[in-house]
Amino acid sequence: GYEDWAVVSSARTDEVLKVIVANP
């Protein structure tokens, strides 16, 4: 179910875009 967890934050490096999500 991680696909539907709430977003905590986001980040970017030279190589990747990141979305950080957490469970309830």
mmCIF file of all heavy atoms, coordinates in Angstrom:
data_MODEL
# 
_entry.id   MODEL 
# 
loop_
_atom_site.group_PDB 
_atom_site.id 
_atom_site.type_symbol 
_atom_site.label_atom_id 
_atom_site.label_alt_id 
_atom_site.label_comp_id 
_atom_site.label_asym_id 
_atom_site.label_entity_id 
_atom_site.label_seq_id 
_atom_site.pdbx_PDB_ins_code 
_atom_site.Cartn_x 
_atom_site.Cartn_y 
_atom_site.Cartn_z 
_atom_site.occupancy 
_atom_site.B_iso_or_equiv 
_atom_site.pdbx_formal_charge 
_atom_site.auth_seq_id 
_atom_site.auth_comp_id 
_atom_site.auth_asym_id 
_atom_site.auth_atom_id 
_atom_site.pdbx_PDB_model_num 
ATOM 1   N N   . GLY A 1 1  ? 0.790  -1.224 0.000   1.00 0.00 ? 1  GLY A N   1 
ATOM 2   C CA  . GLY A 1 1  ? 0.000  0.000  0.000   1.00 0.00 ? 1  GLY A CA  1 
ATOM 3   C C   . GLY A 1 1  ? 0.820  1.272  0.000   1.00 0.00 ? 1  GLY A C   1 
ATOM 4   O O   . GLY A 1 1  ? 0.260  2.374  0.028   1.00 0.00 ? 1  GLY A O   1 
ATOM 5   N N   . TYR A 1 2  ? 2.161  1.150  -0.042  1.00 0.00 ? 2  TYR A N   1 
ATOM 6   C CA  . TYR A 1 2  ? 3.016  2.341  -0.007  1.00 0.00 ? 2  TYR A CA  1 
ATOM 7   C C   . TYR A 1 2  ? 2.673  3.330  -1.121  1.00 0.00 ? 2  TYR A C   1 
ATOM 8   O O   . TYR A 1 2  ? 2.899  4.539  -0.970  1.00 0.00 ? 2  TYR A O   1 
ATOM 9   C CB  . TYR A 1 2  ? 4.501  1.962  -0.085  1.00 0.00 ? 2  TYR A CB  1 
ATOM 10  C CG  . TYR A 1 2  ? 4.958  1.467  -1.446  1.00 0.00 ? 2  TYR A CG  1 
ATOM 11  C CD1 . TYR A 1 2  ? 5.432  2.351  -2.409  1.00 0.00 ? 2  TYR A CD1 1 
ATOM 12  C CD2 . TYR A 1 2  ? 4.899  0.112  -1.767  1.00 0.00 ? 2  TYR A CD2 1 
ATOM 13  C CE1 . TYR A 1 2  ? 5.836  1.900  -3.653  1.00 0.00 ? 2  TYR A CE1 1 
ATOM 14  C CE2 . TYR A 1 2  ? 5.301  -0.348 -3.013  1.00 0.00 ? 2  TYR A CE2 1 
ATOM 15  C CZ  . TYR A 1 2  ? 5.771  0.551  -3.946  1.00 0.00 ? 2  TYR A CZ  1 
ATOM 16  O OH  . TYR A 1 2  ? 6.163  0.097  -5.184  1.00 0.00 ? 2  TYR A OH  1 
ATOM 17  N N   . GLU A 1 3  ? 2.105  2.839  -2.202  1.00 0.00 ? 3  GLU A N   1 
ATOM 18  C CA  . GLU A 1 3  ? 1.761  3.711  -3.322  1.00 0.00 ? 3  GLU A CA  1 
ATOM 19  C C   . GLU A 1 3  ? 0.766  4.802  -2.909  1.00 0.00 ? 3  GLU A C   1 
ATOM 20  O O   . GLU A 1 3  ? 0.694  5.850  -3.549  1.00 0.00 ? 3  GLU A O   1 
ATOM 21  C CB  . GLU A 1 3  ? 1.161  2.901  -4.480  1.00 0.00 ? 3  GLU A CB  1 
ATOM 22  C CG  . GLU A 1 3  ? 2.072  1.818  -5.026  1.00 0.00 ? 3  GLU A CG  1 
ATOM 23  C CD  . GLU A 1 3  ? 1.880  0.459  -4.341  1.00 0.00 ? 3  GLU A CD  1 
ATOM 24  O OE1 . GLU A 1 3  ? 1.290  0.404  -3.239  1.00 0.00 ? 3  GLU A OE1 1 
ATOM 25  O OE2 . GLU A 1 3  ? 2.337  -0.547 -4.906  1.00 0.00 ? 3  GLU A OE2 1 
ATOM 26  N N   . ASP A 1 4  ? 0.025  4.562  -1.829  1.00 0.00 ? 4  ASP A N   1 
ATOM 27  C CA  . ASP A 1 4  ? -0.992 5.509  -1.380  1.00 0.00 ? 4  ASP A CA  1 
ATOM 28  C C   . ASP A 1 4  ? -0.661 6.187  -0.056  1.00 0.00 ? 4  ASP A C   1 
ATOM 29  O O   . ASP A 1 4  ? -1.492 6.892  0.501   1.00 0.00 ? 4  ASP A O   1 
ATOM 30  C CB  . ASP A 1 4  ? -2.348 4.793  -1.258  1.00 0.00 ? 4  ASP A CB  1 
ATOM 31  C CG  . ASP A 1 4  ? -2.825 4.263  -2.594  1.00 0.00 ? 4  ASP A CG  1 
ATOM 32  O OD1 . ASP A 1 4  ? -2.674 4.975  -3.600  1.00 0.00 ? 4  ASP A OD1 1 
ATOM 33  O OD2 . ASP A 1 4  ? -3.341 3.132  -2.632  1.00 0.00 ? 4  ASP A OD2 1 
ATOM 34  N N   . TRP A 1 5  ? 0.547  5.979  0.465   1.00 0.00 ? 5  TRP A N   1 
ATOM 35  C CA  . TRP A 1 5  ? 0.931  6.605  1.723   1.00 0.00 ? 5  TRP A CA  1 
ATOM 36  C C   . TRP A 1 5  ? 1.123  8.109  1.543   1.00 0.00 ? 5  TRP A C   1 
ATOM 37  O O   . TRP A 1 5  ? 1.344  8.604  0.436   1.00 0.00 ? 5  TRP A O   1 
ATOM 38  C CB  . TRP A 1 5  ? 2.218  5.999  2.255   1.00 0.00 ? 5  TRP A CB  1 
ATOM 39  C CG  . TRP A 1 5  ? 2.085  4.588  2.767   1.00 0.00 ? 5  TRP A CG  1 
ATOM 40  C CD1 . TRP A 1 5  ? 0.950  3.846  2.890   1.00 0.00 ? 5  TRP A CD1 1 
ATOM 41  C CD2 . TRP A 1 5  ? 3.149  3.756  3.221   1.00 0.00 ? 5  TRP A CD2 1 
ATOM 42  N NE1 . TRP A 1 5  ? 1.241  2.607  3.395   1.00 0.00 ? 5  TRP A NE1 1 
ATOM 43  C CE2 . TRP A 1 5  ? 2.591  2.529  3.604   1.00 0.00 ? 5  TRP A CE2 1 
ATOM 44  C CE3 . TRP A 1 5  ? 4.524  3.931  3.325   1.00 0.00 ? 5  TRP A CE3 1 
ATOM 45  C CZ2 . TRP A 1 5  ? 3.356  1.476  4.111   1.00 0.00 ? 5  TRP A CZ2 1 
ATOM 46  C CZ3 . TRP A 1 5  ? 5.288  2.889  3.829   1.00 0.00 ? 5  TRP A CZ3 1 
ATOM 47  C CH2 . TRP A 1 5  ? 4.710  1.686  4.222   1.00 0.00 ? 5  TRP A CH2 1 
ATOM 48  N N   . ALA A 1 6  ? 1.058  8.830  2.658   1.00 0.00 ? 6  ALA A N   1 
ATOM 49  C CA  . ALA A 1 6  ? 1.208  10.282 2.641   1.00 0.00 ? 6  ALA A CA  1 
ATOM 50  C C   . ALA A 1 6  ? 2.661  10.675 2.350   1.00 0.00 ? 6  ALA A C   1 
ATOM 51  O O   . ALA A 1 6  ? 3.600  10.016 2.804   1.00 0.00 ? 6  ALA A O   1 
ATOM 52  C CB  . ALA A 1 6  ? 0.783  10.873 3.983   1.00 0.00 ? 6  ALA A CB  1 
ATOM 53  N N   . VAL A 1 7  ? 2.813  11.763 1.626   1.00 0.00 ? 7  VAL A N   1 
ATOM 54  C CA  . VAL A 1 7  ? 4.139  12.285 1.305   1.00 0.00 ? 7  VAL A CA  1 
ATOM 55  C C   . VAL A 1 7  ? 4.719  12.977 2.533   1.00 0.00 ? 7  VAL A C   1 
ATOM 56  O O   . VAL A 1 7  ? 4.046  13.778 3.188   1.00 0.00 ? 7  VAL A O   1 
ATOM 57  C CB  . VAL A 1 7  ? 4.066  13.275 0.126   1.00 0.00 ? 7  VAL A CB  1 
ATOM 58  C CG1 . VAL A 1 7  ? 5.405  13.971 -0.092  1.00 0.00 ? 7  VAL A CG1 1 
ATOM 59  C CG2 . VAL A 1 7  ? 3.620  12.559 -1.134  1.00 0.00 ? 7  VAL A CG2 1 
ATOM 60  N N   . VAL A 1 8  ? 5.971  12.662 2.833   1.00 0.00 ? 8  VAL A N   1 
ATOM 61  C CA  . VAL A 1 8  ? 6.704  13.313 3.910   1.00 0.00 ? 8  VAL A CA  1 
ATOM 62  C C   . VAL A 1 8  ? 7.508  14.464 3.334   1.00 0.00 ? 8  VAL A C   1 
ATOM 63  O O   . VAL A 1 8  ? 7.488  15.578 3.838   1.00 0.00 ? 8  VAL A O   1 
ATOM 64  C CB  . VAL A 1 8  ? 7.653  12.309 4.613   1.00 0.00 ? 8  VAL A CB  1 
ATOM 65  C CG1 . VAL A 1 8  ? 8.577  13.023 5.593   1.00 0.00 ? 8  VAL A CG1 1 
ATOM 66  C CG2 . VAL A 1 8  ? 6.864  11.215 5.300   1.00 0.00 ? 8  VAL A CG2 1 
ATOM 67  N N   . SER A 1 9  ? 8.218  14.173 2.245   1.00 0.00 ? 9  SER A N   1 
ATOM 68  C CA  . SER A 1 9  ? 9.132  15.143 1.668   1.00 0.00 ? 9  SER A CA  1 
ATOM 69  C C   . SER A 1 9  ? 9.517  14.697 0.266   1.00 0.00 ? 9  SER A C   1 
ATOM 70  O O   . SER A 1 9  ? 9.085  13.640 -0.199  1.00 0.00 ? 9  SER A O   1 
ATOM 71  C CB  . SER A 1 9  ? 10.382 15.229 2.559   1.00 0.00 ? 9  SER A CB  1 
ATOM 72  O OG  . SER A 1 9  ? 11.260 16.234 2.123   1.00 0.00 ? 9  SER A OG  1 
ATOM 73  N N   . SER A 1 10 ? 10.338 15.493 -0.370  1.00 0.00 ? 10 SER A N   1 
ATOM 74  C CA  . SER A 1 10 ? 10.907 15.114 -1.661  1.00 0.00 ? 10 SER A CA  1 
ATOM 75  C C   . SER A 1 10 ? 12.368 15.562 -1.672  1.00 0.00 ? 10 SER A C   1 
ATOM 76  O O   . SER A 1 10 ? 12.784 16.366 -0.842  1.00 0.00 ? 10 SER A O   1 
ATOM 77  C CB  . SER A 1 10 ? 10.139 15.751 -2.818  1.00 0.00 ? 10 SER A CB  1 
ATOM 78  O OG  . SER A 1 10 ? 10.255 17.150 -2.764  1.00 0.00 ? 10 SER A OG  1 
ATOM 79  N N   . ALA A 1 11 ? 13.119 15.011 -2.606  1.00 0.00 ? 11 ALA A N   1 
ATOM 80  C CA  . ALA A 1 11 ? 14.536 15.363 -2.717  1.00 0.00 ? 11 ALA A CA  1 
ATOM 81  C C   . ALA A 1 11 ? 14.984 15.141 -4.151  1.00 0.00 ? 11 ALA A C   1 
ATOM 82  O O   . ALA A 1 11 ? 14.315 14.450 -4.929  1.00 0.00 ? 11 ALA A O   1 
ATOM 83  C CB  . ALA A 1 11 ? 15.367 14.515 -1.752  1.00 0.00 ? 11 ALA A CB  1 
ATOM 84  N N   . ARG A 1 12 ? 16.118 15.721 -4.477  1.00 0.00 ? 12 ARG A N   1 
ATOM 85  C CA  . ARG A 1 12 ? 16.658 15.581 -5.831  1.00 0.00 ? 12 ARG A CA  1 
ATOM 86  C C   . ARG A 1 12 ? 18.157 15.490 -5.739  1.00 0.00 ? 12 ARG A C   1 
ATOM 87  O O   . ARG A 1 12 ? 18.791 16.258 -5.021  1.00 0.00 ? 12 ARG A O   1 
ATOM 88  C CB  . ARG A 1 12 ? 16.283 16.806 -6.665  1.00 0.00 ? 12 ARG A CB  1 
ATOM 89  C CG  . ARG A 1 12 ? 17.019 16.867 -8.008  1.00 0.00 ? 12 ARG A CG  1 
ATOM 90  C CD  . ARG A 1 12 ? 16.069 16.907 -9.121  1.00 0.00 ? 12 ARG A CD  1 
ATOM 91  N NE  . ARG A 1 12 ? 16.505 17.127 -10.453 1.00 0.00 ? 12 ARG A NE  1 
ATOM 92  C CZ  . ARG A 1 12 ? 17.474 16.511 -11.118 1.00 0.00 ? 12 ARG A CZ  1 
ATOM 93  N NH1 . ARG A 1 12 ? 18.235 15.650 -10.538 1.00 0.00 ? 12 ARG A NH1 1 
ATOM 94  N NH2 . ARG A 1 12 ? 17.691 16.759 -12.388 1.00 0.00 ? 12 ARG A NH2 1 
ATOM 95  N N   . THR A 1 13 ? 18.732 14.524 -6.433  1.00 0.00 ? 13 THR A N   1 
ATOM 96  C CA  . THR A 1 13 ? 20.175 14.458 -6.620  1.00 0.00 ? 13 THR A CA  1 
ATOM 97  C C   . THR A 1 13 ? 20.419 14.670 -8.114  1.00 0.00 ? 13 THR A C   1 
ATOM 98  O O   . THR A 1 13 ? 19.470 14.844 -8.881  1.00 0.00 ? 13 THR A O   1 
ATOM 99  C CB  . THR A 1 13 ? 20.764 13.101 -6.195  1.00 0.00 ? 13 THR A CB  1 
ATOM 100 O OG1 . THR A 1 13 ? 20.286 12.089 -7.088  1.00 0.00 ? 13 THR A OG1 1 
ATOM 101 C CG2 . THR A 1 13 ? 20.380 12.755 -4.758  1.00 0.00 ? 13 THR A CG2 1 
ATOM 102 N N   . ASP A 1 14 ? 21.660 14.606 -8.523  1.00 0.00 ? 14 ASP A N   1 
ATOM 103 C CA  . ASP A 1 14 ? 21.947 14.727 -9.953  1.00 0.00 ? 14 ASP A CA  1 
ATOM 104 C C   . ASP A 1 14 ? 21.371 13.561 -10.738 1.00 0.00 ? 14 ASP A C   1 
ATOM 105 O O   . ASP A 1 14 ? 21.063 13.690 -11.913 1.00 0.00 ? 14 ASP A O   1 
ATOM 106 C CB  . ASP A 1 14 ? 23.463 14.799 -10.193 1.00 0.00 ? 14 ASP A CB  1 
ATOM 107 C CG  . ASP A 1 14 ? 24.049 16.114 -9.716  1.00 0.00 ? 14 ASP A CG  1 
ATOM 108 O OD1 . ASP A 1 14 ? 23.299 17.098 -9.592  1.00 0.00 ? 14 ASP A OD1 1 
ATOM 109 O OD2 . ASP A 1 14 ? 25.266 16.143 -9.459  1.00 0.00 ? 14 ASP A OD2 1 
ATOM 110 N N   . GLU A 1 15 ? 21.195 12.408 -10.063 1.00 0.00 ? 15 GLU A N   1 
ATOM 111 C CA  . GLU A 1 15 ? 20.758 11.198 -10.763 1.00 0.00 ? 15 GLU A CA  1 
ATOM 112 C C   . GLU A 1 15 ? 19.275 10.872 -10.622 1.00 0.00 ? 15 GLU A C   1 
ATOM 113 O O   . GLU A 1 15 ? 18.702 10.239 -11.503 1.00 0.00 ? 15 GLU A O   1 
ATOM 114 C CB  . GLU A 1 15 ? 21.546 9.978  -10.264 1.00 0.00 ? 15 GLU A CB  1 
ATOM 115 C CG  . GLU A 1 15 ? 23.022 10.013 -10.572 1.00 0.00 ? 15 GLU A CG  1 
ATOM 116 C CD  . GLU A 1 15 ? 23.816 10.837 -9.554  1.00 0.00 ? 15 GLU A CD  1 
ATOM 117 O OE1 . GLU A 1 15 ? 23.404 10.893 -8.383  1.00 0.00 ? 15 GLU A OE1 1 
ATOM 118 O OE2 . GLU A 1 15 ? 24.823 11.446 -9.941  1.00 0.00 ? 15 GLU A OE2 1 
ATOM 119 N N   . VAL A 1 16 ? 18.644 11.230 -9.502  1.00 0.00 ? 16 VAL A N   1 
ATOM 120 C CA  . VAL A 1 16 ? 17.269 10.781 -9.262  1.00 0.00 ? 16 VAL A CA  1 
ATOM 121 C C   . VAL A 1 16 ? 16.399 11.840 -8.600  1.00 0.00 ? 16 VAL A C   1 
ATOM 122 O O   . VAL A 1 16 ? 16.883 12.703 -7.871  1.00 0.00 ? 16 VAL A O   1 
ATOM 123 C CB  . VAL A 1 16 ? 17.221 9.493  -8.392  1.00 0.00 ? 16 VAL A CB  1 
ATOM 124 C CG1 . VAL A 1 16 ? 17.798 8.304  -9.120  1.00 0.00 ? 16 VAL A CG1 1 
ATOM 125 C CG2 . VAL A 1 16 ? 17.905 9.676  -7.065  1.00 0.00 ? 16 VAL A CG2 1 
ATOM 126 N N   . LEU A 1 17 ? 15.102 11.720 -8.863  1.00 0.00 ? 17 LEU A N   1 
ATOM 127 C CA  . LEU A 1 17 ? 14.067 12.446 -8.125  1.00 0.00 ? 17 LEU A CA  1 
ATOM 128 C C   . LEU A 1 17 ? 13.539 11.478 -7.083  1.00 0.00 ? 17 LEU A C   1 
ATOM 129 O O   . LEU A 1 17 ? 13.321 10.299 -7.371  1.00 0.00 ? 17 LEU A O   1 
ATOM 130 C CB  . LEU A 1 17 ? 12.927 12.851 -9.053  1.00 0.00 ? 17 LEU A CB  1 
ATOM 131 C CG  . LEU A 1 17 ? 13.242 13.829 -10.168 1.00 0.00 ? 17 LEU A CG  1 
ATOM 132 C CD1 . LEU A 1 17 ? 12.021 13.996 -11.070 1.00 0.00 ? 17 LEU A CD1 1 
ATOM 133 C CD2 . LEU A 1 17 ? 13.665 15.168 -9.610  1.00 0.00 ? 17 LEU A CD2 1 
ATOM 134 N N   . LYS A 1 18 ? 13.315 11.974 -5.863  1.00 0.00 ? 18 LYS A N   1 
ATOM 135 C CA  . LYS A 1 18 ? 12.884 11.103 -4.776  1.00 0.00 ? 18 LYS A CA  1 
ATOM 136 C C   . LYS A 1 18 ? 11.623 11.664 -4.137  1.00 0.00 ? 18 LYS A C   1 
ATOM 137 O O   . LYS A 1 18 ? 11.520 12.866 -3.900  1.00 0.00 ? 18 LYS A O   1 
ATOM 138 C CB  . LYS A 1 18 ? 13.969 11.002 -3.703  1.00 0.00 ? 18 LYS A CB  1 
ATOM 139 C CG  . LYS A 1 18 ? 15.320 10.571 -4.235  1.00 0.00 ? 18 LYS A CG  1 
ATOM 140 C CD  . LYS A 1 18 ? 16.378 10.664 -3.152  1.00 0.00 ? 18 LYS A CD  1 
ATOM 141 C CE  . LYS A 1 18 ? 17.743 10.326 -3.731  1.00 0.00 ? 18 LYS A CE  1 
ATOM 142 N NZ  . LYS A 1 18 ? 18.743 10.157 -2.688  1.00 0.00 ? 18 LYS A NZ  1 
ATOM 143 N N   . VAL A 1 19 ? 10.700 10.790 -3.836  1.00 0.00 ? 19 VAL A N   1 
ATOM 144 C CA  . VAL A 1 19 ? 9.529  11.146 -3.050  1.00 0.00 ? 19 VAL A CA  1 
ATOM 145 C C   . VAL A 1 19 ? 9.543  10.222 -1.844  1.00 0.00 ? 19 VAL A C   1 
ATOM 146 O O   . VAL A 1 19 ? 9.636  8.999  -1.985  1.00 0.00 ? 19 VAL A O   1 
ATOM 147 C CB  . VAL A 1 19 ? 8.217  10.984 -3.856  1.00 0.00 ? 19 VAL A CB  1 
ATOM 148 C CG1 . VAL A 1 19 ? 7.015  11.229 -2.964  1.00 0.00 ? 19 VAL A CG1 1 
ATOM 149 C CG2 . VAL A 1 19 ? 8.206  11.930 -5.046  1.00 0.00 ? 19 VAL A CG2 1 
ATOM 150 N N   . ILE A 1 20 ? 9.492  10.823 -0.663  1.00 0.00 ? 20 ILE A N   1 
ATOM 151 C CA  . ILE A 1 20 ? 9.542  10.062 0.576   1.00 0.00 ? 20 ILE A CA  1 
ATOM 152 C C   . ILE A 1 20 ? 8.129  10.004 1.139   1.00 0.00 ? 20 ILE A C   1 
ATOM 153 O O   . ILE A 1 20 ? 7.486  11.039 1.352   1.00 0.00 ? 20 ILE A O   1 
ATOM 154 C CB  . ILE A 1 20 ? 10.522 10.711 1.580   1.00 0.00 ? 20 ILE A CB  1 
ATOM 155 C CG1 . ILE A 1 20 ? 11.959 10.682 1.024   1.00 0.00 ? 20 ILE A CG1 1 
ATOM 156 C CG2 . ILE A 1 20 ? 10.486 9.978  2.903   1.00 0.00 ? 20 ILE A CG2 1 
ATOM 157 C CD1 . ILE A 1 20 ? 12.342 11.816 0.162   1.00 0.00 ? 20 ILE A CD1 1 
ATOM 158 N N   . VAL A 1 21 ? 7.642  8.777  1.336   1.00 0.00 ? 21 VAL A N   1 
ATOM 159 C CA  . VAL A 1 21 ? 6.293  8.559  1.854   1.00 0.00 ? 21 VAL A CA  1 
ATOM 160 C C   . VAL A 1 21 ? 6.378  7.730  3.135   1.00 0.00 ? 21 VAL A C   1 
ATOM 161 O O   . VAL A 1 21 ? 7.346  7.001  3.349   1.00 0.00 ? 21 VAL A O   1 
ATOM 162 C CB  . VAL A 1 21 ? 5.392  7.855  0.811   1.00 0.00 ? 21 VAL A CB  1 
ATOM 163 C CG1 . VAL A 1 21 ? 5.221  8.714  -0.435  1.00 0.00 ? 21 VAL A CG1 1 
ATOM 164 C CG2 . VAL A 1 21 ? 5.926  6.480  0.423   1.00 0.00 ? 21 VAL A CG2 1 
ATOM 165 N N   . ALA A 1 22 ? 5.368  7.846  3.980   1.00 0.00 ? 22 ALA A N   1 
ATOM 166 C CA  . ALA A 1 22 ? 5.362  7.098  5.241   1.00 0.00 ? 22 ALA A CA  1 
ATOM 167 C C   . ALA A 1 22 ? 3.986  6.519  5.510   1.00 0.00 ? 22 ALA A C   1 
ATOM 168 O O   . ALA A 1 22 ? 2.967  7.073  5.078   1.00 0.00 ? 22 ALA A O   1 
ATOM 169 C CB  . ALA A 1 22 ? 5.787  8.007  6.392   1.00 0.00 ? 22 ALA A CB  1 
ATOM 170 N N   . ASN A 1 23 ? 3.993  5.421  6.277   1.00 0.00 ? 23 ASN A N   1 
ATOM 171 C CA  . ASN A 1 23 ? 2.731  4.768  6.627   1.00 0.00 ? 23 ASN A CA  1 
ATOM 172 C C   . ASN A 1 23 ? 1.993  5.601  7.689   1.00 0.00 ? 23 ASN A C   1 
ATOM 173 O O   . ASN A 1 23 ? 2.562  6.528  8.282   1.00 0.00 ? 23 ASN A O   1 
ATOM 174 C CB  . ASN A 1 23 ? 2.967  3.321  7.065   1.00 0.00 ? 23 ASN A CB  1 
ATOM 175 C CG  . ASN A 1 23 ? 3.625  3.178  8.431   1.00 0.00 ? 23 ASN A CG  1 
ATOM 176 O OD1 . ASN A 1 23 ? 4.182  4.116  8.985   1.00 0.00 ? 23 ASN A OD1 1 
ATOM 177 N ND2 . ASN A 1 23 ? 3.574  1.979  8.972   1.00 0.00 ? 23 ASN A ND2 1 
ATOM 178 N N   . PRO A 1 24 ? 0.731  5.293  7.940   1.00 0.00 ? 24 PRO A N   1 
ATOM 179 C CA  . PRO A 1 24 ? -0.053 6.080  8.903   1.00 0.00 ? 24 PRO A CA  1 
ATOM 180 C C   . PRO A 1 24 ? 0.563  6.138  10.306  1.00 0.00 ? 24 PRO A C   1 
ATOM 181 O O   . PRO A 1 24 ? 0.459  7.174  10.979  1.00 0.00 ? 24 PRO A O   1 
ATOM 182 C CB  . PRO A 1 24 ? -1.415 5.377  8.913   1.00 0.00 ? 24 PRO A CB  1 
ATOM 183 C CG  . PRO A 1 24 ? -1.534 4.790  7.533   1.00 0.00 ? 24 PRO A CG  1 
ATOM 184 C CD  . PRO A 1 24 ? -0.128 4.328  7.205   1.00 0.00 ? 24 PRO A CD  1 
# 
